[in-house]
Amino acid sequence: MNSCWKPPQDPFIKVNFDAAFKVTLHQSYSGFISRNSRGQVMGSETIFNKFASDSSTAKAIACLQALDFARDMGFTHVHMEGDSRTTIVKINQHVDRRANMVAHILAKERMSISEDRFWVEDLPAVAECYLARDLAGMASQS
């Protein structure tokens, strides 16, 4: 199992997604990040979801939203990646949570802000150290 983020092969864009779930309120928060073969951020987004029945549903919603995000960004070669095996088995590739931390942090960050947010070639400061760790891991694999 992959435990560190790995870049996609050119010309693909990799979109990592995750969801944070509040059991008591049945609400979820989606986060996703897209990166190119050099690990550069192409865009990221967080979304509040008013209802999700459980965490598996929340992750499936996040995956669908990430696919919409990729389409809206105009990506034509997309590699989807997340840490929900149930969702990923039906889509593309499952990774260990450690290899999906940027998307995980984006989903958790959405819990603390009052509106959905979208970034182009950027991401929130709270996720920068996780992005740096991924980039350092890429360099050590070379």
Protein backbone atom coordinates (compact mmCIF):
# COMPACT_ATOMS: atom_id res chain seq x y z
CA MET A 1 0.00 0.00 0.00
CA ASN A 2 1.24 3.51 -0.82
CA SER A 3 2.09 5.53 2.30
CA CYS A 4 3.46 8.65 0.61
CA TRP A 5 2.00 10.74 -2.18
CA LYS A 6 3.29 9.93 -5.66
CA PRO A 7 2.90 12.21 -8.69
CA PRO A 8 0.94 11.16 -11.76
CA GLN A 9 2.61 10.41 -15.08
CA ASP A 10 2.52 13.33 -17.51
CA PRO A 11 0.01 14.40 -18.98
CA PHE A 12 -2.22 13.27 -16.08
CA ILE A 13 -3.39 15.42 -13.19
CA LYS A 14 -3.85 13.63 -9.87
CA VAL A 15 -6.85 14.65 -7.78
CA ASN A 16 -6.75 13.56 -4.13
CA PHE A 17 -10.03 13.77 -2.21
CA ASP A 18 -11.29 13.15 1.29
CA ALA A 19 -14.21 13.97 3.59
CA ALA A 20 -14.61 14.87 7.23
CA PHE A 21 -17.88 13.69 8.80
CA LYS A 22 -19.82 14.98 11.82
CA VAL A 23 -21.80 11.98 13.07
CA THR A 24 -24.14 13.92 15.37
CA LEU A 25 -25.21 16.37 12.64
CA HIS A 26 -24.95 14.04 9.63
CA GLN A 27 -22.92 16.73 7.88
CA SER A 28 -19.77 16.31 5.87
CA TYR A 29 -16.99 18.48 4.54
CA SER A 30 -15.18 17.63 1.32
CA GLY A 31 -11.63 18.58 0.43
CA PHE A 32 -9.62 17.93 -2.68
CA ILE A 33 -6.40 18.98 -4.34
CA SER A 34 -5.15 18.56 -7.90
CA ARG A 35 -1.45 18.33 -8.72
CA ASN A 36 0.56 17.80 -11.88
CA SER A 37 3.49 15.43 -12.51
CA ARG A 38 5.88 17.86 -10.78
CA GLY A 39 3.69 18.01 -7.67
CA GLN A 40 2.59 21.57 -8.40
CA VAL A 41 -0.86 22.53 -7.13
CA MET A 42 -3.28 23.09 -10.00
CA GLY A 43 -6.24 23.82 -7.72
CA SER A 44 -7.94 22.86 -4.47
CA GLU A 45 -11.40 23.20 -2.99
CA THR A 46 -13.40 22.65 0.19
CA ILE A 47 -17.18 22.13 0.29
CA PHE A 48 -19.76 21.87 3.08
CA ASN A 49 -22.40 19.16 2.56
CA LYS A 50 -25.63 19.64 4.53
CA PHE A 51 -26.44 15.94 4.74
CA ALA A 52 -24.55 12.66 4.57
CA SER A 53 -25.87 9.51 6.21
CA ASP A 54 -22.45 8.09 7.15
CA SER A 55 -18.72 8.51 6.53
CA SER A 56 -18.70 6.16 3.52
CA THR A 57 -21.40 8.23 1.87
CA ALA A 58 -19.48 11.41 2.72
CA LYS A 59 -16.38 10.04 0.98
CA ALA A 60 -18.39 9.01 -2.08
CA ILE A 61 -19.90 12.52 -2.23
CA ALA A 62 -16.39 14.00 -1.98
CA CYS A 63 -15.25 11.80 -4.85
CA LEU A 64 -18.12 12.96 -7.06
CA GLN A 65 -17.45 16.58 -6.15
CA ALA A 66 -13.75 16.10 -6.93
CA LEU A 67 -14.69 14.72 -10.35
CA ASP A 68 -16.88 17.80 -10.95
CA PHE A 69 -13.97 19.98 -9.81
CA ALA A 70 -11.61 18.27 -12.29
CA ARG A 71 -14.12 18.78 -15.10
CA ASP A 72 -14.63 22.45 -14.14
CA MET A 73 -10.85 22.95 -14.17
CA GLY A 74 -10.77 21.56 -17.71
CA PHE A 75 -8.63 18.52 -16.93
CA THR A 76 -8.92 15.79 -19.55
CA HIS A 77 -6.43 13.27 -18.12
CA VAL A 78 -7.33 12.70 -14.47
CA HIS A 79 -6.12 10.16 -11.93
CA MET A 80 -8.40 10.03 -8.86
CA GLU A 81 -6.94 9.03 -5.50
CA GLY A 82 -8.36 8.77 -1.99
CA ASP A 83 -8.10 6.76 1.22
CA SER A 84 -11.58 5.19 1.16
CA ARG A 85 -11.05 1.69 -0.20
CA THR A 86 -14.80 1.20 -0.71
CA THR A 87 -15.00 4.26 -2.96
CA ILE A 88 -11.66 3.73 -4.69
CA VAL A 89 -12.15 0.08 -5.60
CA LYS A 90 -14.90 1.28 -7.88
CA ILE A 91 -12.86 4.18 -9.27
CA ASN A 92 -9.07 4.04 -9.40
CA GLN A 93 -6.48 3.73 -6.64
CA HIS A 94 -6.58 3.43 -2.85
CA VAL A 95 -3.77 4.99 -0.80
CA ASP A 96 -2.84 5.02 2.84
CA ARG A 97 -4.11 8.07 4.79
CA ARG A 98 -0.51 9.34 5.02
CA ALA A 99 -0.40 9.65 1.22
CA ASN A 100 -3.70 11.55 1.21
CA MET A 101 -3.02 14.06 4.00
CA VAL A 102 -3.38 17.23 1.90
CA ALA A 103 -6.94 16.29 0.87
CA HIS A 104 -7.68 15.14 4.43
CA ILE A 105 -6.53 18.49 5.87
CA LEU A 106 -8.60 20.36 3.26
CA ALA A 107 -11.71 18.43 4.31
CA LYS A 108 -11.04 19.11 8.00
CA GLU A 109 -10.27 22.78 7.27
CA ARG A 110 -13.75 23.18 5.75
CA MET A 111 -15.22 22.38 9.17
CA SER A 112 -13.69 25.59 10.57
CA ILE A 113 -14.68 28.06 7.84
CA SER A 114 -18.11 29.44 6.98
CA GLU A 115 -18.15 29.03 3.20
CA ASP A 116 -17.00 26.78 0.39
CA ARG A 117 -13.67 27.90 -1.06
CA PHE A 118 -11.82 27.30 -4.31
CA TRP A 119 -8.15 27.93 -5.08
CA VAL A 120 -6.32 27.91 -8.43
CA GLU A 121 -2.64 26.91 -8.26
CA ASP A 122 -2.80 27.31 -4.49
CA LEU A 123 -4.18 25.82 -1.29
CA PRO A 124 -4.83 27.04 2.27
CA ALA A 125 -1.82 27.70 4.49
CA VAL A 126 -2.91 24.94 6.90
CA ALA A 127 -2.13 22.33 4.21
CA GLU A 128 1.22 23.74 3.02
CA CYS A 129 3.39 21.65 5.37
CA TYR A 130 1.69 18.46 4.11
CA LEU A 131 2.27 19.53 0.52
CA ALA A 132 5.94 20.20 1.36
CA ARG A 133 6.20 16.69 2.86
CA ASP A 134 4.74 15.20 -0.33
CA LEU A 135 7.20 17.17 -2.47
CA ALA A 136 10.12 16.08 -0.26
CA GLY A 137 8.95 12.47 -0.65
CA MET A 138 8.90 12.92 -4.43
CA ALA A 139 12.48 14.20 -4.38
CA SER A 140 13.68 11.25 -2.29
CA GLN A 141 12.07 8.80 -4.76
CA SER A 142 14.02 10.26 -7.69
